[in-house]
PDB file of all heavy atoms in Angstrom:
ATOM      1  N   LEU A   1      93.961  88.679 159.101  1.00  0.00           N
ATOM      2  CA  LEU A   1      92.658  88.118 158.799  1.00  0.00           C
ATOM      3  C   LEU A   1      91.865  87.831 160.098  1.00  0.00           C
ATOM      4  O   LEU A   1      90.638  88.052 160.109  1.00  0.00           O
ATOM      5  CB  LEU A   1      92.780  86.840 157.987  1.00  0.00           C
ATOM      6  CG  LEU A   1      93.173  87.089 156.488  1.00  0.00           C
ATOM      7  CD1 LEU A   1      93.396  85.809 155.792  1.00  0.00           C
ATOM      8  CD2 LEU A   1      92.072  87.876 155.791  1.00  0.00           C
ATOM      9  N   LEU A   2      92.530  87.324 161.106  1.00  0.00           N
ATOM     10  CA  LEU A   2      91.824  87.079 162.356  1.00  0.00           C
ATOM     11  C   LEU A   2      91.352  88.355 163.033  1.00  0.00           C
ATOM     12  O   LEU A   2      90.226  88.409 163.525  1.00  0.00           O
ATOM     13  CB  LEU A   2      92.736  86.293 163.360  1.00  0.00           C
ATOM     14  CG  LEU A   2      92.910  84.812 163.110  1.00  0.00           C
ATOM     15  CD1 LEU A   2      93.994  84.243 164.076  1.00  0.00           C
ATOM     16  CD2 LEU A   2      91.609  84.095 163.274  1.00  0.00           C
ATOM     17  N   THR A   3      92.176  89.408 162.960  1.00  0.00           N
ATOM     18  CA  THR A   3      91.785  90.688 163.489  1.00  0.00           C
ATOM     19  C   THR A   3      90.572  91.217 162.734  1.00  0.00           C
ATOM     20  O   THR A   3      89.639  91.709 163.347  1.00  0.00           O
ATOM     21  CB  THR A   3      92.944  91.677 163.445  1.00  0.00           C
ATOM     22  OG1 THR A   3      94.075  91.141 164.139  1.00  0.00           O
ATOM     23  CG2 THR A   3      92.580  93.016 163.975  1.00  0.00           C
ATOM     24  N   LEU A   4      90.610  91.128 161.438  1.00  0.00           N
ATOM     25  CA  LEU A   4      89.486  91.586 160.630  1.00  0.00           C
ATOM     26  C   LEU A   4      88.225  90.770 160.894  1.00  0.00           C
ATOM     27  O   LEU A   4      87.165  91.357 161.032  1.00  0.00           O
ATOM     28  CB  LEU A   4      89.877  91.489 159.140  1.00  0.00           C
ATOM     29  CG  LEU A   4      88.889  92.050 158.138  1.00  0.00           C
ATOM     30  CD1 LEU A   4      88.724  93.591 158.373  1.00  0.00           C
ATOM     31  CD2 LEU A   4      89.362  91.816 156.740  1.00  0.00           C
ATOM     32  N   ALA A   5      88.354  89.468 161.029  1.00  0.00           N
ATOM     33  CA  ALA A   5      87.204  88.611 161.268  1.00  0.00           C
ATOM     34  C   ALA A   5      86.577  88.891 162.648  1.00  0.00           C
ATOM     35  O   ALA A   5      85.342  88.986 162.750  1.00  0.00           O
ATOM     36  CB  ALA A   5      87.626  87.123 161.167  1.00  0.00           C
ATOM     37  N   LEU A   6      87.442  89.088 163.664  1.00  0.00           N
ATOM     38  CA  LEU A   6      86.909  89.386 164.977  1.00  0.00           C
ATOM     39  C   LEU A   6      86.228  90.736 165.058  1.00  0.00           C
ATOM     40  O   LEU A   6      85.238  90.920 165.733  1.00  0.00           O
ATOM     41  CB  LEU A   6      87.996  89.247 166.030  1.00  0.00           C
ATOM     42  CG  LEU A   6      88.496  87.819 166.332  1.00  0.00           C
ATOM     43  CD1 LEU A   6      89.666  87.878 167.271  1.00  0.00           C
ATOM     44  CD2 LEU A   6      87.364  87.014 166.880  1.00  0.00           C
ATOM     45  N   SER A   7      86.837  91.717 164.355  1.00  0.00           N
ATOM     46  CA  SER A   7      86.218  93.015 164.285  1.00  0.00           C
ATOM     47  C   SER A   7      84.866  92.973 163.622  1.00  0.00           C
ATOM     48  O   SER A   7      83.882  93.616 164.091  1.00  0.00           O
ATOM     49  CB  SER A   7      87.136  94.004 163.527  1.00  0.00           C
ATOM     50  OG  SER A   7      86.562  95.233 163.403  1.00  0.00           O
ATOM     51  N   TYR A   8      84.744  92.292 162.528  1.00  0.00           N
ATOM     52  CA  TYR A   8      83.450  92.161 161.816  1.00  0.00           C
ATOM     53  C   TYR A   8      82.489  91.393 162.667  1.00  0.00           C
ATOM     54  O   TYR A   8      81.304  91.804 162.762  1.00  0.00           O
ATOM     55  CB  TYR A   8      83.712  91.438 160.505  1.00  0.00           C
ATOM     56  CG  TYR A   8      82.427  91.337 159.673  1.00  0.00           C
ATOM     57  CD1 TYR A   8      81.946  92.458 159.024  1.00  0.00           C
ATOM     58  CD2 TYR A   8      81.724  90.140 159.595  1.00  0.00           C
ATOM     59  CE1 TYR A   8      80.780  92.372 158.277  1.00  0.00           C
ATOM     60  CE2 TYR A   8      80.572  90.061 158.853  1.00  0.00           C
ATOM     61  CZ  TYR A   8      80.077  91.140 158.152  1.00  0.00           C
ATOM     62  OH  TYR A   8      78.959  91.074 157.455  1.00  0.00           O
ATOM     63  N   ALA A   9      82.900  90.332 163.370  1.00  0.00           N
ATOM     64  CA  ALA A   9      81.996  89.570 164.226  1.00  0.00           C
ATOM     65  C   ALA A   9      81.462  90.419 165.352  1.00  0.00           C
ATOM     66  O   ALA A   9      80.306  90.399 165.711  1.00  0.00           O
ATOM     67  CB  ALA A   9      82.683  88.307 164.742  1.00  0.00           C
ATOM     68  N   SER A  10      82.328  91.248 165.920  1.00  0.00           N
ATOM     69  CA  SER A  10      81.948  92.142 167.004  1.00  0.00           C
ATOM     70  C   SER A  10      80.945  93.174 166.520  1.00  0.00           C
ATOM     71  O   SER A  10      80.014  93.529 167.239  1.00  0.00           O
ATOM     72  CB  SER A  10      83.171  92.825 167.575  1.00  0.00           C
ATOM     73  OG  SER A  10      82.828  93.798 168.507  1.00  0.00           O
ATOM     74  N   PHE A  11      81.126  93.632 165.285  1.00  0.00           N
ATOM     75  CA  PHE A  11      80.206  94.605 164.723  1.00  0.00           C
ATOM     76  C   PHE A  11      78.845  94.047 164.411  1.00  0.00           C
ATOM     77  O   PHE A  11      77.796  94.648 164.684  1.00  0.00           O
ATOM     78  CB  PHE A  11      80.835  95.203 163.452  1.00  0.00           C
ATOM     79  CG  PHE A  11      79.956  96.152 162.708  1.00  0.00           C
ATOM     80  CD1 PHE A  11      79.656  97.421 163.207  1.00  0.00           C
ATOM     81  CD2 PHE A  11      79.366  95.730 161.479  1.00  0.00           C
ATOM     82  CE1 PHE A  11      78.834  98.252 162.499  1.00  0.00           C
ATOM     83  CE2 PHE A  11      78.534  96.607 160.794  1.00  0.00           C
ATOM     84  CZ  PHE A  11      78.257  97.855 161.311  1.00  0.00           C
ATOM     85  N   ARG A  12      78.824  92.837 163.874  1.00  0.00           N
ATOM     86  CA  ARG A  12      77.577  92.248 163.446  1.00  0.00           C
ATOM     87  C   ARG A  12      76.803  91.460 164.523  1.00  0.00           C
ATOM     88  O   ARG A  12      75.588  91.459 164.496  1.00  0.00           O
ATOM     89  CB  ARG A  12      77.843  91.220 162.321  1.00  0.00           C
ATOM     90  CG  ARG A  12      78.440  91.879 161.063  1.00  0.00           C
ATOM     91  CD  ARG A  12      77.462  92.774 160.354  1.00  0.00           C
ATOM     92  NE  ARG A  12      76.419  91.947 159.730  1.00  0.00           N
ATOM     93  CZ  ARG A  12      75.334  92.431 159.195  1.00  0.00           C
ATOM     94  NH1 ARG A  12      75.149  93.693 159.177  1.00  0.00           N
ATOM     95  NH2 ARG A  12      74.442  91.626 158.646  1.00  0.00           N
ATOM     96  N   VAL A  13      77.484  90.880 165.489  1.00  0.00           N
ATOM     97  CA  VAL A  13      76.841  90.049 166.518  1.00  0.00           C
ATOM     98  C   VAL A  13      76.974  90.758 167.869  1.00  0.00           C
ATOM     99  O   VAL A  13      78.020  90.744 168.489  1.00  0.00           O
ATOM    100  CB  VAL A  13      77.456  88.653 166.561  1.00  0.00           C
ATOM    101  CG1 VAL A  13      76.719  87.792 167.595  1.00  0.00           C
ATOM    102  CG2 VAL A  13      77.442  87.964 165.205  1.00  0.00           C
ATOM    103  N   ARG A  14      75.861  91.381 168.287  1.00  0.00           N
ATOM    104  CA  ARG A  14      75.885  92.171 169.509  1.00  0.00           C
ATOM    105  C   ARG A  14      76.245  91.365 170.762  1.00  0.00           C
ATOM    106  O   ARG A  14      76.911  91.844 171.662  1.00  0.00           O
ATOM    107  CB  ARG A  14      74.484  92.787 169.704  1.00  0.00           C
ATOM    108  CG  ARG A  14      74.397  93.693 170.899  1.00  0.00           C
ATOM    109  CD  ARG A  14      73.034  94.350 170.938  1.00  0.00           C
ATOM    110  NE  ARG A  14      72.959  95.328 169.898  1.00  0.00           N
ATOM    111  CZ  ARG A  14      72.807  96.621 170.101  1.00  0.00           C
ATOM    112  NH1 ARG A  14      72.642  97.038 171.317  1.00  0.00           N
ATOM    113  NH2 ARG A  14      72.798  97.487 169.129  1.00  0.00           N
ATOM    114  N   ARG A  15      75.861  90.107 170.821  1.00  0.00           N
ATOM    115  CA  ARG A  15      76.153  89.293 171.978  1.00  0.00           C
ATOM    116  C   ARG A  15      77.661  88.975 172.149  1.00  0.00           C
ATOM    117  O   ARG A  15      78.111  88.619 173.238  1.00  0.00           O
ATOM    118  CB  ARG A  15      75.392  87.975 171.903  1.00  0.00           C
ATOM    119  CG  ARG A  15      73.912  88.149 172.113  1.00  0.00           C
ATOM    120  CD  ARG A  15      73.198  86.850 172.122  1.00  0.00           C
ATOM    121  NE  ARG A  15      71.769  87.030 172.261  1.00  0.00           N
ATOM    122  CZ  ARG A  15      70.922  86.065 172.251  1.00  0.00           C
ATOM    123  NH1 ARG A  15      71.343  84.787 172.137  1.00  0.00           N
ATOM    124  NH2 ARG A  15      69.639  86.316 172.386  1.00  0.00           N
ATOM    125  N   LEU A  16      78.418  89.092 171.079  1.00  0.00           N
ATOM    126  CA  LEU A  16      79.839  88.820 171.186  1.00  0.00           C
ATOM    127  C   LEU A  16      80.648  90.009 171.713  1.00  0.00           C
ATOM    128  O   LEU A  16      81.788  89.845 172.091  1.00  0.00           O
ATOM    129  CB  LEU A  16      80.397  88.426 169.792  1.00  0.00           C
ATOM    130  CG  LEU A  16      80.054  86.997 169.304  1.00  0.00           C
ATOM    131  CD1 LEU A  16      80.661  86.820 167.908  1.00  0.00           C
ATOM    132  CD2 LEU A  16      80.601  85.949 170.244  1.00  0.00           C
ATOM    133  N   ARG A  17      80.079  91.224 171.677  1.00  0.00           N
ATOM    134  CA  ARG A  17      80.823  92.390 172.018  1.00  0.00           C
ATOM    135  C   ARG A  17      81.400  92.372 173.436  1.00  0.00           C
ATOM    136  O   ARG A  17      82.579  92.637 173.593  1.00  0.00           O
ATOM    137  CB  ARG A  17      79.929  93.626 171.844  1.00  0.00           C
ATOM    138  CG  ARG A  17      79.798  94.055 170.413  1.00  0.00           C
ATOM    139  CD  ARG A  17      79.017  95.300 170.233  1.00  0.00           C
ATOM    140  NE  ARG A  17      78.503  95.333 168.849  1.00  0.00           N
ATOM    141  CZ  ARG A  17      77.513  96.038 168.459  1.00  0.00           C
ATOM    142  NH1 ARG A  17      76.831  96.787 169.317  1.00  0.00           N
ATOM    143  NH2 ARG A  17      77.132  96.060 167.236  1.00  0.00           N
ATOM    144  N   PRO A  18      80.597  92.042 174.446  1.00  0.00           N
ATOM    145  CA  PRO A  18      81.245  91.984 175.797  1.00  0.00           C
ATOM    146  C   PRO A  18      82.362  90.981 175.888  1.00  0.00           C
ATOM    147  O   PRO A  18      83.331  91.194 176.603  1.00  0.00           O
ATOM    148  CB  PRO A  18      80.067  91.593 176.702  1.00  0.00           C
ATOM    149  CG  PRO A  18      78.848  91.960 175.974  1.00  0.00           C
ATOM    150  CD  PRO A  18      79.175  91.782 174.520  1.00  0.00           C
ATOM    151  N   LEU A  19      82.237  89.907 175.195  1.00  0.00           N
ATOM    152  CA  LEU A  19      83.304  88.870 175.200  1.00  0.00           C
ATOM    153  C   LEU A  19      84.512  89.304 174.503  1.00  0.00           C
ATOM    154  O   LEU A  19      85.658  89.103 174.999  1.00  0.00           O
ATOM    155  CB  LEU A  19      82.758  87.544 174.555  1.00  0.00           C
ATOM    156  CG  LEU A  19      83.693  86.405 174.518  1.00  0.00           C
ATOM    157  CD1 LEU A  19      83.962  85.908 175.941  1.00  0.00           C
ATOM    158  CD2 LEU A  19      83.142  85.247 173.690  1.00  0.00           C
ATOM    159  N   LEU A  20      84.386  89.965 173.364  1.00  0.00           N
ATOM    160  CA  LEU A  20      85.565  90.374 172.574  1.00  0.00           C
ATOM    161  C   LEU A  20      86.126  91.710 173.026  1.00  0.00           C
ATOM    162  O   LEU A  20      87.359  91.909 172.990  1.00  0.00           O
ATOM    163  CB  LEU A  20      85.153  90.487 171.103  1.00  0.00           C
ATOM    164  CG  LEU A  20      84.751  89.187 170.381  1.00  0.00           C
ATOM    165  CD1 LEU A  20      84.265  89.460 169.008  1.00  0.00           C
ATOM    166  CD2 LEU A  20      85.914  88.216 170.417  1.00  0.00           C
ATOM    167  N   GLU A  21      85.299  92.627 173.446  1.00  0.00           N
ATOM    168  CA  GLU A  21      85.749  93.996 173.811  1.00  0.00           C
ATOM    169  C   GLU A  21      85.814  94.255 175.309  1.00  0.00           C
ATOM    170  O   GLU A  21      86.433  95.155 175.741  1.00  0.00           O
ATOM    171  CB  GLU A  21      84.899  95.038 173.133  1.00  0.00           C
ATOM    172  CG  GLU A  21      84.934  94.944 171.609  1.00  0.00           C
ATOM    173  CD  GLU A  21      83.964  95.894 170.965  1.00  0.00           C
ATOM    174  OE1 GLU A  21      83.351  96.746 171.669  1.00  0.00           O
ATOM    175  OE2 GLU A  21      83.838  95.854 169.710  1.00  0.00           O
ATOM    176  N   GLY A  22      85.089  93.488 176.058  1.00  0.00           N
ATOM    177  CA  GLY A  22      85.027  93.715 177.531  1.00  0.00           C
ATOM    178  C   GLY A  22      83.914  94.661 177.883  1.00  0.00           C
ATOM    179  O   GLY A  22      83.216  95.163 177.010  1.00  0.00           O
ATOM    180  N   THR A  23      83.726  94.892 179.157  1.00  0.00           N
ATOM    181  CA  THR A  23      82.670  95.820 179.651  1.00  0.00           C
ATOM    182  C   THR A  23      83.351  96.810 180.583  1.00  0.00           C
ATOM    183  O   THR A  23      84.343  96.499 181.269  1.00  0.00           O
ATOM    184  CB  THR A  23      81.591  95.069 180.423  1.00  0.00           C
ATOM    185  OG1 THR A  23      82.164  94.286 181.441  1.00  0.00           O
ATOM    186  CG2 THR A  23      80.816  94.134 179.476  1.00  0.00           C
ATOM    187  N   PRO A  24      82.781  98.019 180.680  1.00  0.00           N
ATOM    188  CA  PRO A  24      83.329  98.987 181.670  1.00  0.00           C
ATOM    189  C   PRO A  24      83.215  98.481 183.074  1.00  0.00           C
ATOM    190  O   PRO A  24      82.282  97.697 183.405  1.00  0.00           O
ATOM    191  CB  PRO A  24      82.454 100.217 181.432  1.00  0.00           C
ATOM    192  CG  PRO A  24      81.849 100.018 180.058  1.00  0.00           C
ATOM    193  CD  PRO A  24      81.705  98.556 179.891  1.00  0.00           C
ATOM    194  N   LEU A  25      84.122  98.857 183.939  1.00  0.00           N
ATOM    195  CA  LEU A  25      84.143  98.418 185.296  1.00  0.00           C
ATOM    196  C   LEU A  25      84.179  99.603 186.228  1.00  0.00           C
ATOM    197  O   LEU A  25      85.036 100.537 186.047  1.00  0.00           O
ATOM    198  CB  LEU A  25      85.394  97.554 185.541  1.00  0.00           C
ATOM    199  CG  LEU A  25      85.552  96.981 186.927  1.00  0.00           C
ATOM    200  CD1 LEU A  25      84.458  95.969 187.217  1.00  0.00           C
ATOM    201  CD2 LEU A  25      86.925  96.285 187.048  1.00  0.00           C
ATOM    202  N   VAL A  26      83.288  99.658 187.197  1.00  0.00           N
ATOM    203  CA  VAL A  26      83.203 100.768 188.134  1.00  0.00           C
ATOM    204  C   VAL A  26      84.331 100.590 189.189  1.00  0.00           C
ATOM    205  O   VAL A  26      84.446  99.561 189.829  1.00  0.00           O
ATOM    206  CB  VAL A  26      81.846 100.871 188.809  1.00  0.00           C
ATOM    207  CG1 VAL A  26      81.802 101.959 189.874  1.00  0.00           C
ATOM    208  CG2 VAL A  26      80.744 101.052 187.784  1.00  0.00           C
ATOM    209  N   LEU A  27      85.180 101.641 189.342  1.00  0.00           N
ATOM    210  CA  LEU A  27      86.226 101.614 190.341  1.00  0.00           C
ATOM    211  C   LEU A  27      85.870 102.487 191.529  1.00  0.00           C
ATOM    212  O   LEU A  27      86.345 102.208 192.653  1.00  0.00           O
ATOM    213  CB  LEU A  27      87.534 102.130 189.721  1.00  0.00           C
ATOM    214  CG  LEU A  27      88.079 101.364 188.495  1.00  0.00           C
ATOM    215  CD1 LEU A  27      89.299 102.033 187.974  1.00  0.00           C
ATOM    216  CD2 LEU A  27      88.342  99.896 188.907  1.00  0.00           C
ATOM    217  N   ILE A  28      85.118 103.507 191.335  1.00  0.00           N
ATOM    218  CA  ILE A  28      84.704 104.384 192.410  1.00  0.00           C
ATOM    219  C   ILE A  28      83.172 104.542 192.294  1.00  0.00           C
ATOM    220  O   ILE A  28      82.646 104.896 191.197  1.00  0.00           O
ATOM    221  CB  ILE A  28      85.318 105.811 192.342  1.00  0.00           C
ATOM    222  CG1 ILE A  28      86.870 105.662 192.382  1.00  0.00           C
ATOM    223  CG2 ILE A  28      84.825 106.694 193.479  1.00  0.00           C
ATOM    224  CD1 ILE A  28      87.562 106.953 192.135  1.00  0.00           C
ATOM    225  N   ASP A  29      82.445 104.239 193.345  1.00  0.00           N
ATOM    226  CA  ASP A  29      80.988 104.361 193.332  1.00  0.00           C
ATOM    227  C   ASP A  29      80.540 105.230 194.530  1.00  0.00           C
ATOM    228  O   ASP A  29      80.858 104.898 195.678  1.00  0.00           O
ATOM    229  CB  ASP A  29      80.360 102.990 193.463  1.00  0.00           C
ATOM    230  CG  ASP A  29      78.877 102.992 193.360  1.00  0.00           C
ATOM    231  OD1 ASP A  29      78.291 103.985 192.811  1.00  0.00           O
ATOM    232  OD2 ASP A  29      78.227 102.028 193.778  1.00  0.00           O
ATOM    233  N   ALA A  30      79.858 106.355 194.183  1.00  0.00           N
ATOM    234  CA  ALA A  30      79.421 107.272 195.223  1.00  0.00           C
ATOM    235  C   ALA A  30      80.517 107.717 196.154  1.00  0.00           C
ATOM    236  O   ALA A  30      80.342 107.848 197.318  1.00  0.00           O
ATOM    237  CB  ALA A  30      78.303 106.666 196.049  1.00  0.00           C
ATOM    238  N   GLY A  31      81.694 107.930 195.569  1.00  0.00           N
ATOM    239  CA  GLY A  31      82.826 108.404 196.332  1.00  0.00           C
ATOM    240  C   GLY A  31      83.613 107.308 197.085  1.00  0.00           C
ATOM    241  O   GLY A  31      84.661 107.613 197.632  1.00  0.00           O
ATOM    242  N   ARG A  32      83.163 106.091 197.031  1.00  0.00           N
ATOM    243  CA  ARG A  32      83.886 104.994 197.711  1.00  0.00           C
ATOM    244  C   ARG A  32      84.682 104.211 196.690  1.00  0.00           C
ATOM    245  O   ARG A  32      84.156 103.775 195.667  1.00  0.00           O
ATOM    246  CB  ARG A  32      82.855 104.086 198.434  1.00  0.00           C
ATOM    247  CG  ARG A  32      82.282 104.695 199.653  1.00  0.00           C
ATOM    248  CD  ARG A  32      81.403 103.703 200.388  1.00  0.00           C
ATOM    249  NE  ARG A  32      80.295 103.308 199.511  1.00  0.00           N
ATOM    250  CZ  ARG A  32      79.057 103.777 199.559  1.00  0.00           C
ATOM    251  NH1 ARG A  32      78.746 104.690 200.454  1.00  0.00           N
ATOM    252  NH2 ARG A  32      78.147 103.355 198.736  1.00  0.00           N
ATOM    253  N   VAL A  33      85.926 103.971 197.028  1.00  0.00           N
ATOM    254  CA  VAL A  33      86.816 103.173 196.148  1.00  0.00           C
ATOM    255  C   VAL A  33      86.454 101.663 196.307  1.00  0.00           C
ATOM    256  O   VAL A  33      86.376 101.215 197.442  1.00  0.00           O
ATOM    257  CB  VAL A  33      88.289 103.385 196.483  1.00  0.00           C
ATOM    258  CG1 VAL A  33      89.198 102.495 195.645  1.00  0.00           C
ATOM    259  CG2 VAL A  33      88.688 104.861 196.250  1.00  0.00           C
ATOM    260  N   LEU A  34      86.232 101.023 195.199  1.00  0.00           N
ATOM    261  CA  LEU A  34      85.906  99.607 195.266  1.00  0.00           C
ATOM    262  C   LEU A  34      87.190  98.788 195.109  1.00  0.00           C
ATOM    263  O   LEU A  34      87.703  98.527 194.034  1.00  0.00           O
ATOM    264  CB  LEU A  34      84.903  99.228 194.104  1.00  0.00           C
ATOM    265  CG  LEU A  34      83.617 100.066 194.133  1.00  0.00           C
ATOM    266  CD1 LEU A  34      82.729  99.681 192.927  1.00  0.00           C
ATOM    267  CD2 LEU A  34      82.866  99.830 195.412  1.00  0.00           C
ATOM    268  N   THR A  35      87.775  98.430 196.241  1.00  0.00           N
ATOM    269  CA  THR A  35      89.081  97.823 196.275  1.00  0.00           C
ATOM    270  C   THR A  35      89.122  96.445 195.585  1.00  0.00           C
ATOM    271  O   THR A  35      90.089  96.123 195.018  1.00  0.00           O
ATOM    272  CB  THR A  35      89.602  97.690 197.691  1.00  0.00           C
ATOM    273  OG1 THR A  35      88.674  96.986 198.463  1.00  0.00           O
ATOM    274  CG2 THR A  35      89.841  99.052 198.370  1.00  0.00           C
ATOM    275  N   GLU A  36      88.011  95.732 195.618  1.00  0.00           N
ATOM    276  CA  GLU A  36      87.974  94.440 194.927  1.00  0.00           C
ATOM    277  C   GLU A  36      88.144  94.612 193.426  1.00  0.00           C
ATOM    278  O   GLU A  36      88.840  93.885 192.777  1.00  0.00           O
ATOM    279  CB  GLU A  36      86.637  93.715 195.249  1.00  0.00           C
ATOM    280  CG  GLU A  36      86.567  92.382 194.587  1.00  0.00           C
ATOM    281  CD  GLU A  36      87.653  91.413 195.056  1.00  0.00           C
ATOM    282  OE1 GLU A  36      88.057  91.498 196.252  1.00  0.00           O
ATOM    283  OE2 GLU A  36      88.113  90.567 194.243  1.00  0.00           O
ATOM    284  N   ASN A  37      87.506  95.651 192.877  1.00  0.00           N
ATOM    285  CA  ASN A  37      87.625  95.901 191.429  1.00  0.00           C
ATOM    286  C   ASN A  37      89.062  96.379 191.064  1.00  0.00           C
ATOM    287  O   ASN A  37      89.598  96.067 190.017  1.00  0.00           O
ATOM    288  CB  ASN A  37      86.593  96.884 190.954  1.00  0.00           C
ATOM    289  CG  ASN A  37      85.227  96.279 190.940  1.00  0.00           C
ATOM    290  OD1 ASN A  37      85.078  95.092 191.062  1.00  0.00           O
ATOM    291  ND2 ASN A  37      84.184  97.136 190.752  1.00  0.00           N
ATOM    292  N   LEU A  38      89.649  97.232 191.967  1.00  0.00           N
ATOM    293  CA  LEU A  38      91.039  97.660 191.779  1.00  0.00           C
ATOM    294  C   LEU A  38      91.968  96.433 191.795  1.00  0.00           C
ATOM    295  O   LEU A  38      92.841  96.323 190.934  1.00  0.00           O
ATOM    296  CB  LEU A  38      91.447  98.615 192.867  1.00  0.00           C
ATOM    297  CG  LEU A  38      90.913 100.050 192.859  1.00  0.00           C
ATOM    298  CD1 LEU A  38      91.454 100.848 194.010  1.00  0.00           C
ATOM    299  CD2 LEU A  38      91.291 100.709 191.500  1.00  0.00           C
ATOM    300  N   ARG A  39      91.761  95.544 192.720  1.00  0.00           N
ATOM    301  CA  ARG A  39      92.616  94.355 192.848  1.00  0.00           C
ATOM    302  C   ARG A  39      92.475  93.508 191.577  1.00  0.00           C
ATOM    303  O   ARG A  39      93.455  92.961 191.127  1.00  0.00           O
ATOM    304  CB  ARG A  39      92.200  93.583 194.105  1.00  0.00           C
ATOM    305  CG  ARG A  39      93.227  92.511 194.493  1.00  0.00           C
ATOM    306  CD  ARG A  39      92.877  91.837 195.779  1.00  0.00           C
ATOM    307  NE  ARG A  39      92.773  92.810 196.871  1.00  0.00           N
ATOM    308  CZ  ARG A  39      91.659  92.984 197.626  1.00  0.00           C
ATOM    309  NH1 ARG A  39      90.584  92.263 197.439  1.00  0.00           N
ATOM    310  NH2 ARG A  39      91.627  93.859 198.633  1.00  0.00           N
ATOM    311  N   ARG A  40      91.222  93.323 191.118  1.00  0.00           N
ATOM    312  CA  ARG A  40      90.998  92.489 189.949  1.00  0.00           C
ATOM    313  C   ARG A  40      91.716  93.037 188.707  1.00  0.00           C
ATOM    314  O   ARG A  40      92.202  92.290 187.893  1.00  0.00           O
ATOM    315  CB  ARG A  40      89.480  92.407 189.677  1.00  0.00           C
ATOM    316  CG  ARG A  40      89.187  91.468 188.515  1.00  0.00           C
ATOM    317  CD  ARG A  40      87.681  91.358 188.210  1.00  0.00           C
ATOM    318  NE  ARG A  40      86.852  91.527 189.400  1.00  0.00           N
ATOM    319  CZ  ARG A  40      85.604  92.000 189.320  1.00  0.00           C
ATOM    320  NH1 ARG A  40      85.097  92.349 188.157  1.00  0.00           N
ATOM    321  NH2 ARG A  40      84.890  92.120 190.436  1.00  0.00           N
ATOM    322  N   GLU A  41      91.777  94.329 188.594  1.00  0.00           N
ATOM    323  CA  GLU A  41      92.423  95.013 187.469  1.00  0.00           C
ATOM    324  C   GLU A  41      93.868  95.315 187.698  1.00  0.00           C
ATOM    325  O   GLU A  41      94.516  95.953 186.864  1.00  0.00           O
ATOM    326  CB  GLU A  41      91.639  96.248 187.001  1.00  0.00           C
ATOM    327  CG  GLU A  41      90.265  95.933 186.485  1.00  0.00           C
ATOM    328  CD  GLU A  41      90.291  95.101 185.267  1.00  0.00           C
ATOM    329  OE1 GLU A  41      91.140  95.262 184.431  1.00  0.00           O
ATOM    330  OE2 GLU A  41      89.383  94.250 185.133  1.00  0.00           O
ATOM    331  N   ARG A  42      94.387  95.019 188.874  1.00  0.00           N
ATOM    332  CA  ARG A  42      95.760  95.267 189.295  1.00  0.00           C
ATOM    333  C   ARG A  42      96.125  96.744 189.234  1.00  0.00           C
ATOM    334  O   ARG A  42      97.165  97.131 188.633  1.00  0.00           O
ATOM    335  CB  ARG A  42      96.711  94.422 188.427  1.00  0.00           C
ATOM    336  CG  ARG A  42      96.577  92.942 188.655  1.00  0.00           C
ATOM    337  CD  ARG A  42      97.537  92.161 187.828  1.00  0.00           C
ATOM    338  NE  ARG A  42      97.345  90.717 187.981  1.00  0.00           N
ATOM    339  CZ  ARG A  42      96.587  89.988 187.196  1.00  0.00           C
ATOM    340  NH1 ARG A  42      95.943  90.537 186.192  1.00  0.00           N
ATOM    341  NH2 ARG A  42      96.468  88.690 187.415  1.00  0.00           N
ATOM    342  N   ILE A  43      95.244  97.555 189.763  1.00  0.00           N
ATOM    343  CA  ILE A  43      95.448  99.003 189.819  1.00  0.00           C
ATOM    344  C   ILE A  43      95.676  99.344 191.312  1.00  0.00           C
ATOM    345  O   ILE A  43      94.863  98.985 192.146  1.00  0.00           O
ATOM    346  CB  ILE A  43      94.250  99.767 189.251  1.00  0.00           C
ATOM    347  CG1 ILE A  43      94.018  99.415 187.794  1.00  0.00           C
ATOM    348  CG2 ILE A  43      94.459 101.265 189.421  1.00  0.00           C
ATOM    349  CD1 ILE A  43      92.756 100.001 187.237  1.00  0.00           C
ATOM    350  N   THR A  44      96.730 100.115 191.634  1.00  0.00           N
ATOM    351  CA  THR A  44      96.968 100.469 192.965  1.00  0.00           C
ATOM    352  C   THR A  44      96.198 101.755 193.289  1.00  0.00           C
ATOM    353  O   THR A  44      95.819 102.492 192.399  1.00  0.00           O
ATOM    354  CB  THR A  44      98.460 100.742 193.243  1.00  0.00           C
ATOM    355  OG1 THR A  44      98.904 101.812 192.429  1.00  0.00           O
ATOM    356  CG2 THR A  44      99.262  99.472 192.912  1.00  0.00           C
ATOM    357  N   LEU A  45      95.996 102.030 194.554  1.00  0.00           N
ATOM    358  CA  LEU A  45      95.313 103.263 194.994  1.00  0.00           C
ATOM    359  C   LEU A  45      96.109 104.478 194.547  1.00  0.00           C
ATOM    360  O   LEU A  45      95.526 105.511 194.139  1.00  0.00           O
ATOM    361  CB  LEU A  45      95.099 103.210 196.491  1.00  0.00           C
ATOM    362  CG  LEU A  45      94.283 104.368 197.076  1.00  0.00           C
ATOM    363  CD1 LEU A  45      92.855 104.423 196.443  1.00  0.00           C
ATOM    364  CD2 LEU A  45      94.186 104.211 198.563  1.00  0.00           C
TER     365      LEU A  45
END
């Protein structure tokens, strides 16, 4: 029921989507590796 309720809330309330689903994160920008973003997501080079 919680999964269903959160899914429905995410569908109906646009402002909740980033909180519930997250946002995309840039790891490489213009050919440069963004090490701070890698570190935050615990991804090694």
